[in-house]
Amino acid sequence: MVATAAGWALPSLRGAILLIESAGLGIGQFDRALTMLTRAGHFDGVAGIVIGHITGTPANPPLDAIELLRQHLSSFGVPVLGGLPIGHDADARSVLIGAQTEIDATAGLLMQ
């Protein structure tokens, strides 16, 4: 949805903690969305990134979804916290979008 909103409805992410989760995207689609958002500057100024469920994205050796995320996100120099139960799996938790949030990647915590 973030990639779909780019260019017309995506607000500035400056100072925000970006939540990434995905369901059913092929690895090429996932890569294309991350590349477009990065090159267009939509991720400029994010304060941190949290990664929820990435489901239905089959690996295309040597890339899998985790390696793809590492390649795209490592250059931002912000805390990245992965493996959160947010998204489309049965164990998915709710998060308040737009809420005041803190990320502690070292402790593995996202606090609202």
PDB file of N, CA and C in Angstrom:
ATOM      1  N   MET A   1       0.818  -1.196   0.000  1.00  0.00           N
ATOM      2  CA  MET A   1       0.000   0.000   0.000  1.00  0.00           C
ATOM      3  C   MET A   1       0.859   1.256   0.000  1.00  0.00           C
ATOM      4  N   VAL A   2       2.018   1.187   0.652  1.00  0.00           N
ATOM      5  CA  VAL A   2       2.900   2.354   0.668  1.00  0.00           C
ATOM      6  C   VAL A   2       3.331   2.685  -0.763  1.00  0.00           C
ATOM      7  N   ALA A   3       3.746   1.672  -1.515  1.00  0.00           N
ATOM      8  CA  ALA A   3       4.178   1.911  -2.893  1.00  0.00           C
ATOM      9  C   ALA A   3       3.024   2.395  -3.758  1.00  0.00           C
ATOM     10  N   THR A   4       1.829   1.905  -3.526  1.00  0.00           N
ATOM     11  CA  THR A   4       0.658   2.322  -4.298  1.00  0.00           C
ATOM     12  C   THR A   4       0.329   3.787  -4.046  1.00  0.00           C
ATOM     13  N   ALA A   5       0.542   4.256  -2.820  1.00  0.00           N
ATOM     14  CA  ALA A   5       0.209   5.637  -2.468  1.00  0.00           C
ATOM     15  C   ALA A   5       1.288   6.638  -2.873  1.00  0.00           C
ATOM     16  N   ALA A   6       2.457   6.165  -3.236  1.00  0.00           N
ATOM     17  CA  ALA A   6       3.559   7.060  -3.590  1.00  0.00           C
ATOM     18  C   ALA A   6       3.170   7.949  -4.757  1.00  0.00           C
ATOM     19  N   GLY A   7       3.454   9.232  -4.600  1.00  0.00           N
ATOM     20  CA  GLY A   7       3.211  10.172  -5.671  1.00  0.00           C
ATOM     21  C   GLY A   7       1.868  10.870  -5.618  1.00  0.00           C
ATOM     22  N   TRP A   8       0.953  10.375  -4.789  1.00  0.00           N
ATOM     23  CA  TRP A   8      -0.338  11.070  -4.723  1.00  0.00           C
ATOM     24  C   TRP A   8      -0.950  11.088  -3.328  1.00  0.00           C
ATOM     25  N   ALA A   9      -0.731  10.080  -2.501  1.00  0.00           N
ATOM     26  CA  ALA A   9      -1.372  10.071  -1.185  1.00  0.00           C
ATOM     27  C   ALA A   9      -0.424   9.708  -0.046  1.00  0.00           C
ATOM     28  N   LEU A  10       0.839   9.500  -0.346  1.00  0.00           N
ATOM     29  CA  LEU A  10       1.795   9.111   0.694  1.00  0.00           C
ATOM     30  C   LEU A  10       2.318  10.357   1.394  1.00  0.00           C
ATOM     31  N   PRO A  11       2.066  10.473   2.707  1.00  0.00           N
ATOM     32  CA  PRO A  11       2.585  11.632   3.431  1.00  0.00           C
ATOM     33  C   PRO A  11       4.095  11.501   3.611  1.00  0.00           C
ATOM     34  N   SER A  12       4.721  12.565   4.025  1.00  0.00           N
ATOM     35  CA  SER A  12       6.147  12.519   4.333  1.00  0.00           C
ATOM     36  C   SER A  12       6.380  11.529   5.469  1.00  0.00           C
ATOM     37  N   LEU A  13       7.428  10.738   5.331  1.00  0.00           N
ATOM     38  CA  LEU A  13       7.793   9.788   6.377  1.00  0.00           C
ATOM     39  C   LEU A  13       8.926  10.322   7.256  1.00  0.00           C
ATOM     40  N   ARG A  14       9.292  11.568   7.055  1.00  0.00           N
ATOM     41  CA  ARG A  14      10.368  12.185   7.836  1.00  0.00           C
ATOM     42  C   ARG A  14      10.015  12.140   9.332  1.00  0.00           C
ATOM     43  N   GLY A  15      10.898  11.529  10.122  1.00  0.00           N
ATOM     44  CA  GLY A  15      10.686  11.410  11.557  1.00  0.00           C
ATOM     45  C   GLY A  15       9.805  10.242  11.964  1.00  0.00           C
ATOM     46  N   ALA A  16       9.296   9.510  11.002  1.00  0.00           N
ATOM     47  CA  ALA A  16       8.382   8.394  11.290  1.00  0.00           C
ATOM     48  C   ALA A  16       9.136   7.071  11.429  1.00  0.00           C
ATOM     49  N   ILE A  17       8.497   6.141  12.108  1.00  0.00           N
ATOM     50  CA  ILE A  17       8.955   4.756  12.108  1.00  0.00           C
ATOM     51  C   ILE A  17       8.128   4.049  11.047  1.00  0.00           C
ATOM     52  N   LEU A  18       8.792   3.549  10.040  1.00  0.00           N
ATOM     53  CA  LEU A  18       8.136   2.904   8.910  1.00  0.00           C
ATOM     54  C   LEU A  18       7.878   1.441   9.217  1.00  0.00           C
ATOM     55  N   LEU A  19       6.643   1.007   9.009  1.00  0.00           N
ATOM     56  CA  LEU A  19       6.273  -0.402   9.160  1.00  0.00           C
ATOM     57  C   LEU A  19       6.201  -1.022   7.781  1.00  0.00           C
ATOM     58  N   ILE A  20       6.968  -2.092   7.573  1.00  0.00           N
ATOM     59  CA  ILE A  20       6.929  -2.832   6.314  1.00  0.00           C
ATOM     60  C   ILE A  20       6.408  -4.224   6.599  1.00  0.00           C
ATOM     61  N   GLU A  21       5.364  -4.606   5.867  1.00  0.00           N
ATOM     62  CA  GLU A  21       4.867  -5.970   5.882  1.00  0.00           C
ATOM     63  C   GLU A  21       4.331  -6.238   4.494  1.00  0.00           C
ATOM     64  N   SER A  22       4.267  -7.498   4.113  1.00  0.00           N
ATOM     65  CA  SER A  22       3.869  -7.817   2.750  1.00  0.00           C
ATOM     66  C   SER A  22       3.213  -9.191   2.715  1.00  0.00           C
ATOM     67  N   ALA A  23       2.256  -9.324   1.814  1.00  0.00           N
ATOM     68  CA  ALA A  23       1.596 -10.618   1.615  1.00  0.00           C
ATOM     69  C   ALA A  23       1.411 -10.857   0.127  1.00  0.00           C
ATOM     70  N   GLY A  24       1.994 -11.930  -0.349  1.00  0.00           N
ATOM     71  CA  GLY A  24       1.732 -12.369  -1.708  1.00  0.00           C
ATOM     72  C   GLY A  24       2.499 -11.685  -2.817  1.00  0.00           C
ATOM     73  N   LEU A  25       3.504 -10.883  -2.501  1.00  0.00           N
ATOM     74  CA  LEU A  25       4.303 -10.262  -3.560  1.00  0.00           C
ATOM     75  C   LEU A  25       5.425 -11.206  -3.972  1.00  0.00           C
ATOM     76  N   GLY A  26       5.665 -11.289  -5.261  1.00  0.00           N
ATOM     77  CA  GLY A  26       6.842 -12.001  -5.736  1.00  0.00           C
ATOM     78  C   GLY A  26       8.082 -11.219  -5.356  1.00  0.00           C
ATOM     79  N   ILE A  27       9.224 -11.857  -5.352  1.00  0.00           N
ATOM     80  CA  ILE A  27      10.460 -11.189  -4.945  1.00  0.00           C
ATOM     81  C   ILE A  27      10.767 -10.002  -5.865  1.00  0.00           C
ATOM     82  N   GLY A  28      10.466 -10.133  -7.147  1.00  0.00           N
ATOM     83  CA  GLY A  28      10.680  -9.030  -8.083  1.00  0.00           C
ATOM     84  C   GLY A  28       9.768  -7.846  -7.804  1.00  0.00           C
ATOM     85  N   GLN A  29       8.522  -8.123  -7.477  1.00  0.00           N
ATOM     86  CA  GLN A  29       7.583  -7.052  -7.134  1.00  0.00           C
ATOM     87  C   GLN A  29       8.023  -6.340  -5.868  1.00  0.00           C
ATOM     88  N   PHE A  30       8.452  -7.113  -4.878  1.00  0.00           N
ATOM     89  CA  PHE A  30       8.907  -6.558  -3.611  1.00  0.00           C
ATOM     90  C   PHE A  30      10.132  -5.670  -3.840  1.00  0.00           C
ATOM     91  N   ASP A  31      11.088  -6.161  -4.622  1.00  0.00           N
ATOM     92  CA  ASP A  31      12.287  -5.409  -4.952  1.00  0.00           C
ATOM     93  C   ASP A  31      11.929  -4.127  -5.697  1.00  0.00           C
ATOM     94  N   ARG A  32      11.037  -4.220  -6.658  1.00  0.00           N
ATOM     95  CA  ARG A  32      10.629  -3.056  -7.445  1.00  0.00           C
ATOM     96  C   ARG A  32      10.003  -1.975  -6.565  1.00  0.00           C
ATOM     97  N   ALA A  33       9.137  -2.383  -5.649  1.00  0.00           N
ATOM     98  CA  ALA A  33       8.483  -1.416  -4.750  1.00  0.00           C
ATOM     99  C   ALA A  33       9.515  -0.724  -3.860  1.00  0.00           C
ATOM    100  N   LEU A  34      10.419  -1.493  -3.252  1.00  0.00           N
ATOM    101  CA  LEU A  34      11.446  -0.905  -2.387  1.00  0.00           C
ATOM    102  C   LEU A  34      12.384   0.003  -3.174  1.00  0.00           C
ATOM    103  N   THR A  35      12.758  -0.402  -4.376  1.00  0.00           N
ATOM    104  CA  THR A  35      13.645   0.408  -5.216  1.00  0.00           C
ATOM    105  C   THR A  35      12.983   1.726  -5.587  1.00  0.00           C
ATOM    106  N   MET A  36      11.729   1.668  -6.022  1.00  0.00           N
ATOM    107  CA  MET A  36      11.016   2.880  -6.420  1.00  0.00           C
ATOM    108  C   MET A  36      10.871   3.839  -5.254  1.00  0.00           C
ATOM    109  N   LEU A  37      10.477   3.342  -4.090  1.00  0.00           N
ATOM    110  CA  LEU A  37      10.292   4.195  -2.921  1.00  0.00           C
ATOM    111  C   LEU A  37      11.609   4.831  -2.469  1.00  0.00           C
ATOM    112  N   THR A  38      12.681   4.048  -2.529  1.00  0.00           N
ATOM    113  CA  THR A  38      13.994   4.557  -2.130  1.00  0.00           C
ATOM    114  C   THR A  38      14.485   5.616  -3.106  1.00  0.00           C
ATOM    115  N   ARG A  39      14.459   5.309  -4.383  1.00  0.00           N
ATOM    116  CA  ARG A  39      14.984   6.244  -5.395  1.00  0.00           C
ATOM    117  C   ARG A  39      14.159   7.522  -5.486  1.00  0.00           C
ATOM    118  N   ALA A  40      12.882   7.428  -5.182  1.00  0.00           N
ATOM    119  CA  ALA A  40      12.023   8.612  -5.215  1.00  0.00           C
ATOM    120  C   ALA A  40      12.157   9.450  -3.946  1.00  0.00           C
ATOM    121  N   GLY A  41      12.938   8.962  -2.966  1.00  0.00           N
ATOM    122  CA  GLY A  41      13.182   9.732  -1.746  1.00  0.00           C
ATOM    123  C   GLY A  41      12.098   9.609  -0.693  1.00  0.00           C
ATOM    124  N   HIS A  42      11.173   8.669  -0.860  1.00  0.00           N
ATOM    125  CA  HIS A  42      10.087   8.537   0.106  1.00  0.00           C
ATOM    126  C   HIS A  42      10.551   8.058   1.484  1.00  0.00           C
ATOM    127  N   PHE A  43      11.705   7.393   1.554  1.00  0.00           N
ATOM    128  CA  PHE A  43      12.212   6.907   2.832  1.00  0.00           C
ATOM    129  C   PHE A  43      13.180   7.900   3.484  1.00  0.00           C
ATOM    130  N   ASP A  44      13.467   9.002   2.825  1.00  0.00           N
ATOM    131  CA  ASP A  44      14.405   9.990   3.375  1.00  0.00           C
ATOM    132  C   ASP A  44      13.899  10.507   4.727  1.00  0.00           C
ATOM    133  N   GLY A  45      14.755  10.457   5.723  1.00  0.00           N
ATOM    134  CA  GLY A  45      14.423  11.016   7.024  1.00  0.00           C
ATOM    135  C   GLY A  45      13.638  10.105   7.950  1.00  0.00           C
ATOM    136  N   VAL A  46      13.405   8.830   7.557  1.00  0.00           N
ATOM    137  CA  VAL A  46      12.704   7.949   8.497  1.00  0.00           C
ATOM    138  C   VAL A  46      13.555   7.779   9.742  1.00  0.00           C
ATOM    139  N   ALA A  47      12.898   7.639  10.890  1.00  0.00           N
ATOM    140  CA  ALA A  47      13.601   7.523  12.166  1.00  0.00           C
ATOM    141  C   ALA A  47      13.946   6.074  12.492  1.00  0.00           C
ATOM    142  N   GLY A  48      13.216   5.139  11.921  1.00  0.00           N
ATOM    143  CA  GLY A  48      13.431   3.722  12.170  1.00  0.00           C
ATOM    144  C   GLY A  48      12.525   2.915  11.264  1.00  0.00           C
ATOM    145  N   ILE A  49      12.788   1.612  11.221  1.00  0.00           N
ATOM    146  CA  ILE A  49      11.999   0.717  10.371  1.00  0.00           C
ATOM    147  C   ILE A  49      11.683  -0.533  11.165  1.00  0.00           C
ATOM    148  N   VAL A  50      10.416  -0.936  11.144  1.00  0.00           N
ATOM    149  CA  VAL A  50      10.015  -2.208  11.736  1.00  0.00           C
ATOM    150  C   VAL A  50       9.460  -3.094  10.637  1.00  0.00           C
ATOM    151  N   ILE A  51       9.759  -4.374  10.740  1.00  0.00           N
ATOM    152  CA  ILE A  51       9.361  -5.326   9.710  1.00  0.00           C
ATOM    153  C   ILE A  51       8.467  -6.387  10.338  1.00  0.00           C
ATOM    154  N   GLY A  52       7.290  -6.498   9.789  1.00  0.00           N
ATOM    155  CA  GLY A  52       6.336  -7.502  10.230  1.00  0.00           C
ATOM    156  C   GLY A  52       6.404  -8.730   9.347  1.00  0.00           C
ATOM    157  N   HIS A  53       5.267  -9.360   9.148  1.00  0.00           N
ATOM    158  CA  HIS A  53       5.200 -10.566   8.332  1.00  0.00           C
ATOM    159  C   HIS A  53       5.500 -10.266   6.861  1.00  0.00           C
ATOM    160  N   ILE A  54       6.340 -11.064   6.299  1.00  0.00           N
ATOM    161  CA  ILE A  54       6.587 -11.046   4.857  1.00  0.00           C
ATOM    162  C   ILE A  54       6.196 -12.447   4.395  1.00  0.00           C
ATOM    163  N   THR A  55       4.986 -12.575   3.888  1.00  0.00           N
ATOM    164  CA  THR A  55       4.466 -13.897   3.532  1.00  0.00           C
ATOM    165  C   THR A  55       4.216 -13.985   2.034  1.00  0.00           C
ATOM    166  N   GLY A  56       4.367 -15.194   1.516  1.00  0.00           N
ATOM    167  CA  GLY A  56       4.070 -15.434   0.116  1.00  0.00           C
ATOM    168  C   GLY A  56       5.073 -14.835  -0.846  1.00  0.00           C
ATOM    169  N   THR A  57       6.285 -14.567  -0.389  1.00  0.00           N
ATOM    170  CA  THR A  57       7.348 -14.047  -1.247  1.00  0.00           C
ATOM    171  C   THR A  57       8.402 -15.128  -1.382  1.00  0.00           C
ATOM    172  N   PRO A  58       8.268 -15.957  -2.414  1.00  0.00           N
ATOM    173  CA  PRO A  58       9.233 -17.050  -2.561  1.00  0.00           C
ATOM    174  C   PRO A  58      10.627 -16.536  -2.886  1.00  0.00           C
ATOM    175  N   ALA A  59      11.616 -17.238  -2.381  1.00  0.00           N
ATOM    176  CA  ALA A  59      13.006 -16.858  -2.634  1.00  0.00           C
ATOM    177  C   ALA A  59      13.326 -17.037  -4.114  1.00  0.00           C
ATOM    178  N   ASN A  60      14.239 -16.220  -4.601  1.00  0.00           N
ATOM    179  CA  ASN A  60      14.789 -16.349  -5.945  1.00  0.00           C
ATOM    180  C   ASN A  60      16.296 -16.271  -5.765  1.00  0.00           C
ATOM    181  N   PRO A  61      16.932 -17.440  -5.473  1.00  0.00           N
ATOM    182  CA  PRO A  61      18.355 -17.435  -5.113  1.00  0.00           C
ATOM    183  C   PRO A  61      19.177 -16.555  -6.041  1.00  0.00           C
ATOM    184  N   PRO A  62      20.070 -15.751  -5.462  1.00  0.00           N
ATOM    185  CA  PRO A  62      20.513 -15.755  -4.075  1.00  0.00           C
ATOM    186  C   PRO A  62      19.664 -14.879  -3.158  1.00  0.00           C
ATOM    187  N   LEU A  63      18.575 -14.315  -3.648  1.00  0.00           N
ATOM    188  CA  LEU A  63      17.779 -13.409  -2.818  1.00  0.00           C
ATOM    189  C   LEU A  63      16.567 -14.096  -2.198  1.00  0.00           C
ATOM    190  N   ASP A  64      16.369 -13.811  -0.921  1.00  0.00           N
ATOM    191  CA  ASP A  64      15.089 -14.081  -0.283  1.00  0.00           C
ATOM    192  C   ASP A  64      14.633 -12.734   0.277  1.00  0.00           C
ATOM    193  N   ALA A  65      13.450 -12.683   0.848  1.00  0.00           N
ATOM    194  CA  ALA A  65      12.891 -11.407   1.303  1.00  0.00           C
ATOM    195  C   ALA A  65      13.774 -10.735   2.352  1.00  0.00           C
ATOM    196  N   ILE A  66      14.358 -11.515   3.255  1.00  0.00           N
ATOM    197  CA  ILE A  66      15.196 -10.937   4.313  1.00  0.00           C
ATOM    198  C   ILE A  66      16.456 -10.309   3.717  1.00  0.00           C
ATOM    199  N   GLU A  67      17.110 -11.015   2.815  1.00  0.00           N
ATOM    200  CA  GLU A  67      18.318 -10.467   2.181  1.00  0.00           C
ATOM    201  C   GLU A  67      17.976  -9.232   1.355  1.00  0.00           C
ATOM    202  N   LEU A  68      16.851  -9.253   0.689  1.00  0.00           N
ATOM    203  CA  LEU A  68      16.411  -8.097  -0.091  1.00  0.00           C
ATOM    204  C   LEU A  68      16.209  -6.882   0.816  1.00  0.00           C
ATOM    205  N   LEU A  69      15.559  -7.094   1.955  1.00  0.00           N
ATOM    206  CA  LEU A  69      15.369  -6.003   2.914  1.00  0.00           C
ATOM    207  C   LEU A  69      16.707  -5.488   3.428  1.00  0.00           C
ATOM    208  N   ARG A  70      17.631  -6.392   3.731  1.00  0.00           N
ATOM    209  CA  ARG A  70      18.959  -5.969   4.195  1.00  0.00           C
ATOM    210  C   ARG A  70      19.634  -5.070   3.164  1.00  0.00           C
ATOM    211  N   GLN A  71      19.576  -5.486   1.900  1.00  0.00           N
ATOM    212  CA  GLN A  71      20.219  -4.701   0.844  1.00  0.00           C
ATOM    213  C   GLN A  71      19.603  -3.311   0.726  1.00  0.00           C
ATOM    214  N   HIS A  72      18.298  -3.227   0.815  1.00  0.00           N
ATOM    215  CA  HIS A  72      17.623  -1.944   0.641  1.00  0.00           C
ATOM    216  C   HIS A  72      17.721  -1.040   1.871  1.00  0.00           C
ATOM    217  N   LEU A  73      17.666  -1.609   3.060  1.00  0.00           N
ATOM    218  CA  LEU A  73      17.518  -0.799   4.268  1.00  0.00           C
ATOM    219  C   LEU A  73      18.820  -0.492   4.990  1.00  0.00           C
ATOM    220  N   SER A  74      19.882  -1.222   4.700  1.00  0.00           N
ATOM    221  CA  SER A  74      21.132  -1.055   5.455  1.00  0.00           C
ATOM    222  C   SER A  74      21.755   0.326   5.267  1.00  0.00           C
ATOM    223  N   SER A  75      21.479   0.976   4.167  1.00  0.00           N
ATOM    224  CA  SER A  75      22.112   2.273   3.904  1.00  0.00           C
ATOM    225  C   SER A  75      21.431   3.440   4.621  1.00  0.00           C
ATOM    226  N   PHE A  76      20.290   3.216   5.253  1.00  0.00           N
ATOM    227  CA  PHE A  76      19.569   4.324   5.879  1.00  0.00           C
ATOM    228  C   PHE A  76      20.166   4.754   7.209  1.00  0.00           C
ATOM    229  N   GLY A  77      20.932   3.887   7.867  1.00  0.00           N
ATOM    230  CA  GLY A  77      21.568   4.261   9.124  1.00  0.00           C
ATOM    231  C   GLY A  77      20.592   4.501  10.262  1.00  0.00           C
ATOM    232  N   VAL A  78      19.468   3.790  10.265  1.00  0.00           N
ATOM    233  CA  VAL A  78      18.467   3.925  11.320  1.00  0.00           C
ATOM    234  C   VAL A  78      18.233   2.551  11.938  1.00  0.00           C
ATOM    235  N   PRO A  79      17.674   2.509  13.149  1.00  0.00           N
ATOM    236  CA  PRO A  79      17.379   1.212  13.746  1.00  0.00           C
ATOM    237  C   PRO A  79      16.370   0.435  12.895  1.00  0.00           C
ATOM    238  N   VAL A  80      16.629  -0.858  12.733  1.00  0.00           N
ATOM    239  CA  VAL A  80      15.714  -1.751  12.026  1.00  0.00           C
ATOM    240  C   VAL A  80      15.388  -2.900  12.960  1.00  0.00           C
ATOM    241  N   LEU A  81      14.105  -3.124  13.171  1.00  0.00           N
ATOM    242  CA  LEU A  81      13.628  -4.194  14.050  1.00  0.00           C
ATOM    243  C   LEU A  81      12.754  -5.113  13.224  1.00  0.00           C
ATOM    244  N   GLY A  82      13.131  -6.367  13.113  1.00  0.00           N
ATOM    245  CA  GLY A  82      12.387  -7.320  12.293  1.00  0.00           C
ATOM    246  C   GLY A  82      11.765  -8.432  13.108  1.00  0.00           C
ATOM    247  N   GLY A  83      10.952  -9.214  12.430  1.00  0.00           N
ATOM    248  CA  GLY A  83      10.339 -10.383  13.045  1.00  0.00           C
ATOM    249  C   GLY A  83       9.144 -10.081  13.922  1.00  0.00           C
ATOM    250  N   LEU A  84       8.531  -8.920  13.746  1.00  0.00           N
ATOM    251  CA  LEU A  84       7.377  -8.579  14.580  1.00  0.00           C
ATOM    252  C   LEU A  84       6.112  -9.277  14.067  1.00  0.00           C
ATOM    253  N   PRO A  85       5.237  -9.685  14.965  1.00  0.00           N
ATOM    254  CA  PRO A  85       4.004 -10.359  14.563  1.00  0.00           C
ATOM    255  C   PRO A  85       2.930  -9.367  14.095  1.00  0.00           C
ATOM    256  N   ILE A  86       3.230  -8.696  12.999  1.00  0.00           N
ATOM    257  CA  ILE A  86       2.331  -7.691  12.442  1.00  0.00           C
ATOM    258  C   ILE A  86       2.144  -8.025  10.964  1.00  0.00           C
ATOM    259  N   GLY A  87       0.927  -8.079  10.515  1.00  0.00           N
ATOM    260  CA  GLY A  87       0.698  -8.347   9.108  1.00  0.00           C
ATOM    261  C   GLY A  87      -0.489  -9.251   8.868  1.00  0.00           C
ATOM    262  N   HIS A  88      -0.243 -10.344   8.120  1.00  0.00           N
ATOM    263  CA  HIS A  88      -1.345 -11.174   7.642  1.00  0.00           C
ATOM    264  C   HIS A  88      -1.328 -12.607   8.153  1.00  0.00           C
ATOM    265  N   ASP A  89      -0.449 -12.976   9.047  1.00  0.00           N
ATOM    266  CA  ASP A  89      -0.441 -14.329   9.593  1.00  0.00           C
ATOM    267  C   ASP A  89      -1.440 -14.445  10.744  1.00  0.00           C
ATOM    268  N   ALA A  90      -1.686 -15.673  11.155  1.00  0.00           N
ATOM    269  CA  ALA A  90      -2.677 -15.938  12.211  1.00  0.00           C
ATOM    270  C   ALA A  90      -2.309 -15.286  13.539  1.00  0.00           C
ATOM    271  N   ASP A  91      -1.010 -15.091  13.801  1.00  0.00           N
ATOM    272  CA  ASP A  91      -0.579 -14.502  15.081  1.00  0.00           C
ATOM    273  C   ASP A  91      -0.461 -12.982  15.020  1.00  0.00           C
ATOM    274  N   ALA A  92      -0.993 -12.351  13.978  1.00  0.00           N
ATOM    275  CA  ALA A  92      -0.819 -10.906  13.782  1.00  0.00           C
ATOM    276  C   ALA A  92      -1.415 -10.100  14.927  1.00  0.00           C
ATOM    277  N   ARG A  93      -0.643  -9.111  15.371  1.00  0.00           N
ATOM    278  CA  ARG A  93      -1.081  -8.173  16.397  1.00  0.00           C
ATOM    279  C   ARG A  93      -1.493  -6.871  15.724  1.00  0.00           C
ATOM    280  N   SER A  94      -2.265  -6.084  16.410  1.00  0.00           N
ATOM    281  CA  SER A  94      -2.677  -4.783  15.903  1.00  0.00           C
ATOM    282  C   SER A  94      -1.677  -3.721  16.309  1.00  0.00           C
ATOM    283  N   VAL A  95      -1.510  -2.730  15.465  1.00  0.00           N
ATOM    284  CA  VAL A  95      -0.711  -1.549  15.797  1.00  0.00           C
ATOM    285  C   VAL A  95      -1.515  -0.325  15.400  1.00  0.00           C
ATOM    286  N   LEU A  96      -1.329   0.729  16.142  1.00  0.00           N
ATOM    287  CA  LEU A  96      -1.994   1.979  15.822  1.00  0.00           C
ATOM    288  C   LEU A  96      -1.137   2.752  14.830  1.00  0.00           C
ATOM    289  N   ILE A  97      -1.649   2.953  13.644  1.00  0.00           N
ATOM    290  CA  ILE A  97      -0.929   3.713  12.636  1.00  0.00           C
ATOM    291  C   ILE A  97      -1.033   5.196  13.005  1.00  0.00           C
ATOM    292  N   GLY A  98       0.096   5.880  13.024  1.00  0.00           N
ATOM    293  CA  GLY A  98       0.120   7.296  13.360  1.00  0.00           C
ATOM    294  C   GLY A  98       0.298   7.584  14.836  1.00  0.00           C
ATOM    295  N   ALA A  99       0.374   6.539  15.668  1.00  0.00           N
ATOM    296  CA  ALA A  99       0.540   6.722  17.113  1.00  0.00           C
ATOM    297  C   ALA A  99       1.991   7.077  17.448  1.00  0.00           C
ATOM    298  N   GLN A 100       2.187   7.729  18.590  1.00  0.00           N
ATOM    299  CA  GLN A 100       3.536   7.981  19.092  1.00  0.00           C
ATOM    300  C   GLN A 100       4.150   6.634  19.449  1.00  0.00           C
ATOM    301  N   THR A 101       5.315   6.345  18.893  1.00  0.00           N
ATOM    302  CA  THR A 101       5.937   5.039  19.041  1.00  0.00           C
ATOM    303  C   THR A 101       7.429   5.199  19.257  1.00  0.00           C
ATOM    304  N   GLU A 102       7.999   4.269  20.001  1.00  0.00           N
ATOM    305  CA  GLU A 102       9.444   4.213  20.185  1.00  0.00           C
ATOM    306  C   GLU A 102       9.932   2.847  19.745  1.00  0.00           C
ATOM    307  N   ILE A 103      11.114   2.825  19.169  1.00  0.00           N
ATOM    308  CA  ILE A 103      11.728   1.577  18.740  1.00  0.00           C
ATOM    309  C   ILE A 103      13.031   1.395  19.508  1.00  0.00           C
ATOM    310  N   ASP A 104      13.236   0.197  20.034  1.00  0.00           N
ATOM    311  CA  ASP A 104      14.493  -0.167  20.659  1.00  0.00           C
ATOM    312  C   ASP A 104      14.950  -1.445  19.967  1.00  0.00           C
ATOM    313  N   ALA A 105      15.721  -1.274  18.892  1.00  0.00           N
ATOM    314  CA  ALA A 105      16.147  -2.420  18.096  1.00  0.00           C
ATOM    315  C   ALA A 105      17.073  -3.336  18.885  1.00  0.00           C
ATOM    316  N   THR A 106      17.860  -2.778  19.795  1.00  0.00           N
ATOM    317  CA  THR A 106      18.776  -3.590  20.596  1.00  0.00           C
ATOM    318  C   THR A 106      18.004  -4.547  21.500  1.00  0.00           C
ATOM    319  N   ALA A 107      16.953  -4.041  22.136  1.00  0.00           N
ATOM    320  CA  ALA A 107      16.129  -4.869  23.025  1.00  0.00           C
ATOM    321  C   ALA A 107      15.043  -5.624  22.275  1.00  0.00           C
ATOM    322  N   GLY A 108      14.849  -5.304  20.995  1.00  0.00           N
ATOM    323  CA  GLY A 108      13.814  -5.965  20.212  1.00  0.00           C
ATOM    324  C   GLY A 108      12.412  -5.514  20.573  1.00  0.00           C
ATOM    325  N   LEU A 109      12.254  -4.214  20.869  1.00  0.00           N
ATOM    326  CA  LEU A 109      10.955  -3.714  21.332  1.00  0.00           C
ATOM    327  C   LEU A 109      10.421  -2.583  20.468  1.00  0.00           C
ATOM    328  N   LEU A 110       9.118  -2.636  20.242  1.00  0.00           N
ATOM    329  CA  LEU A 110       8.369  -1.535  19.644  1.00  0.00           C
ATOM    330  C   LEU A 110       7.330  -1.143  20.677  1.00  0.00           C
ATOM    331  N   MET A 111       7.398   0.089  21.154  1.00  0.00           N
ATOM    332  CA  MET A 111       6.530   0.508  22.260  1.00  0.00           C
ATOM    333  C   MET A 111       5.626   1.642  21.839  1.00  0.00           C
ATOM    334  N   GLN A 112       4.324   1.477  22.131  1.00  0.00           N
ATOM    335  CA  GLN A 112       3.354   2.533  21.849  1.00  0.00           C
ATOM    336  C   GLN A 112       2.851   3.095  23.139  1.00  0.00           C
TER     337      GLN A 112
END
